[in-house]
Amino acid sequence: MGTLKGEIAFRFGSDYPHTDGLAEPVTFTESLTSFDQDGVRKIMHDNAHGLFSPRAAR
């Protein structure tokens, strides 16, 4: 997956407590074996933070 798109293209989301969500969302990182620690951090936090954070005025 990462070799096709790169970690910048993915964001993690959890819909817990709904049935399609994970009770322990951090366990999703166990399935990200093709990514290094930096890639996992981007998927689990940085990409969404960059998308939803207000940008500073220029």
Foldseek 3Di string as FASTA:
>chain_A
DCVVPHLLVAADDADPPDPVGDPDSVCVVVVVVVDDPVSSCCRHPVNVCVVPPDDDDD
